């Protein structure tokens, strides 16, 4: 689980057009973690909707 600061950093780097591989190297996390950040961004931080996406 990522800390809120890590998610914010991930979103900031993505906003700078960093690709998932570069972000994952910078933060020391899996590239799949980018999926989570993208879903949080898409659903404006609504974690319950993201949870529903994960359940599917």
C-alpha atoms as a PDB file:
ATOM      1  CA  UNK A   1       0.000   0.000   0.000  1.00  0.00           C
ATOM      2  CA  UNK A   2       1.331   3.386  -0.911  1.00  0.00           C
ATOM      3  CA  UNK A   3       1.370   6.302   1.470  1.00  0.00           C
ATOM      4  CA  UNK A   4      -0.600   9.358   0.341  1.00  0.00           C
ATOM      5  CA  UNK A   5       2.665  11.229  -0.211  1.00  0.00           C
ATOM      6  CA  UNK A   6       3.886   8.489  -2.539  1.00  0.00           C
ATOM      7  CA  UNK A   7       0.660   8.588  -4.541  1.00  0.00           C
ATOM      8  CA  UNK A   8       0.933  12.367  -4.797  1.00  0.00           C
ATOM      9  CA  UNK A   9       4.538  12.073  -5.990  1.00  0.00           C
ATOM     10  CA  UNK A  10       3.471   9.466  -8.549  1.00  0.00           C
ATOM     11  CA  UNK A  11       0.732  11.745  -9.836  1.00  0.00           C
ATOM     12  CA  UNK A  12       3.152  14.673 -10.006  1.00  0.00           C
ATOM     13  CA  UNK A  13       5.670  12.690 -12.035  1.00  0.00           C
ATOM     14  CA  UNK A  14       2.951  11.407 -14.340  1.00  0.00           C
ATOM     15  CA  UNK A  15       1.786  14.984 -14.879  1.00  0.00           C
ATOM     16  CA  UNK A  16       5.331  15.742 -16.052  1.00  0.00           C
ATOM     17  CA  UNK A  17       4.790  13.076 -18.745  1.00  0.00           C
ATOM     18  CA  UNK A  18       7.065  10.518 -17.092  1.00  0.00           C
ATOM     19  CA  UNK A  19       6.325   6.992 -18.319  1.00  0.00           C
ATOM     20  CA  UNK A  20       5.315   4.225 -15.899  1.00  0.00           C
ATOM     21  CA  UNK A  21       8.703   2.499 -16.067  1.00  0.00           C
ATOM     22  CA  UNK A  22      10.578   5.667 -15.131  1.00  0.00           C
ATOM     23  CA  UNK A  23       8.141   6.485 -12.309  1.00  0.00           C
ATOM     24  CA  UNK A  24       8.430   2.972 -10.902  1.00  0.00           C
ATOM     25  CA  UNK A  25      12.230   3.175 -10.913  1.00  0.00           C
ATOM     26  CA  UNK A  26      12.182   6.593  -9.247  1.00  0.00           C
ATOM     27  CA  UNK A  27       9.755   5.507  -6.512  1.00  0.00           C
ATOM     28  CA  UNK A  28      10.960   1.924  -6.157  1.00  0.00           C
ATOM     29  CA  UNK A  29       7.555   0.411  -6.831  1.00  0.00           C
ATOM     30  CA  UNK A  30       6.011  -1.909  -9.397  1.00  0.00           C
ATOM     31  CA  UNK A  31       4.869  -0.494 -12.733  1.00  0.00           C
ATOM     32  CA  UNK A  32       1.478  -2.023 -11.971  1.00  0.00           C
ATOM     33  CA  UNK A  33       1.144   0.542  -9.206  1.00  0.00           C
ATOM     34  CA  UNK A  34       0.652   3.089 -11.986  1.00  0.00           C
ATOM     35  CA  UNK A  35      -2.708   1.438 -12.674  1.00  0.00           C
ATOM     36  CA  UNK A  36      -3.834   2.412  -9.202  1.00  0.00           C
ATOM     37  CA  UNK A  37      -2.673   6.001  -9.587  1.00  0.00           C
ATOM     38  CA  UNK A  38      -4.440   6.291 -12.933  1.00  0.00           C
ATOM     39  CA  UNK A  39      -7.699   4.962 -11.462  1.00  0.00           C
ATOM     40  CA  UNK A  40      -7.482   7.335  -8.491  1.00  0.00           C
ATOM     41  CA  UNK A  41      -6.975  10.213 -10.915  1.00  0.00           C
ATOM     42  CA  UNK A  42      -9.824   9.047 -13.135  1.00  0.00           C
ATOM     43  CA  UNK A  43     -12.226   8.757 -10.190  1.00  0.00           C
ATOM     44  CA  UNK A  44     -10.987  11.965  -8.509  1.00  0.00           C
ATOM     45  CA  UNK A  45      -9.622  10.163  -5.474  1.00  0.00           C
ATOM     46  CA  UNK A  46     -12.746   8.093  -4.751  1.00  0.00           C
ATOM     47  CA  UNK A  47     -11.148   4.979  -3.269  1.00  0.00           C
ATOM     48  CA  UNK A  48     -14.450   3.095  -3.086  1.00  0.00           C
ATOM     49  CA  UNK A  49     -14.881   3.289  -6.861  1.00  0.00           C
ATOM     50  CA  UNK A  50     -11.279   2.120  -7.302  1.00  0.00           C
ATOM     51  CA  UNK A  51     -12.016  -0.789  -4.935  1.00  0.00           C
ATOM     52  CA  UNK A  52     -14.977  -1.722  -7.142  1.00  0.00           C
ATOM     53  CA  UNK A  53     -12.668  -1.645 -10.194  1.00  0.00           C
ATOM     54  CA  UNK A  54     -10.286  -4.003  -8.393  1.00  0.00           C
ATOM     55  CA  UNK A  55     -13.141  -6.363  -7.508  1.00  0.00           C
ATOM     56  CA  UNK A  56     -14.020  -6.654 -11.217  1.00  0.00           C
END
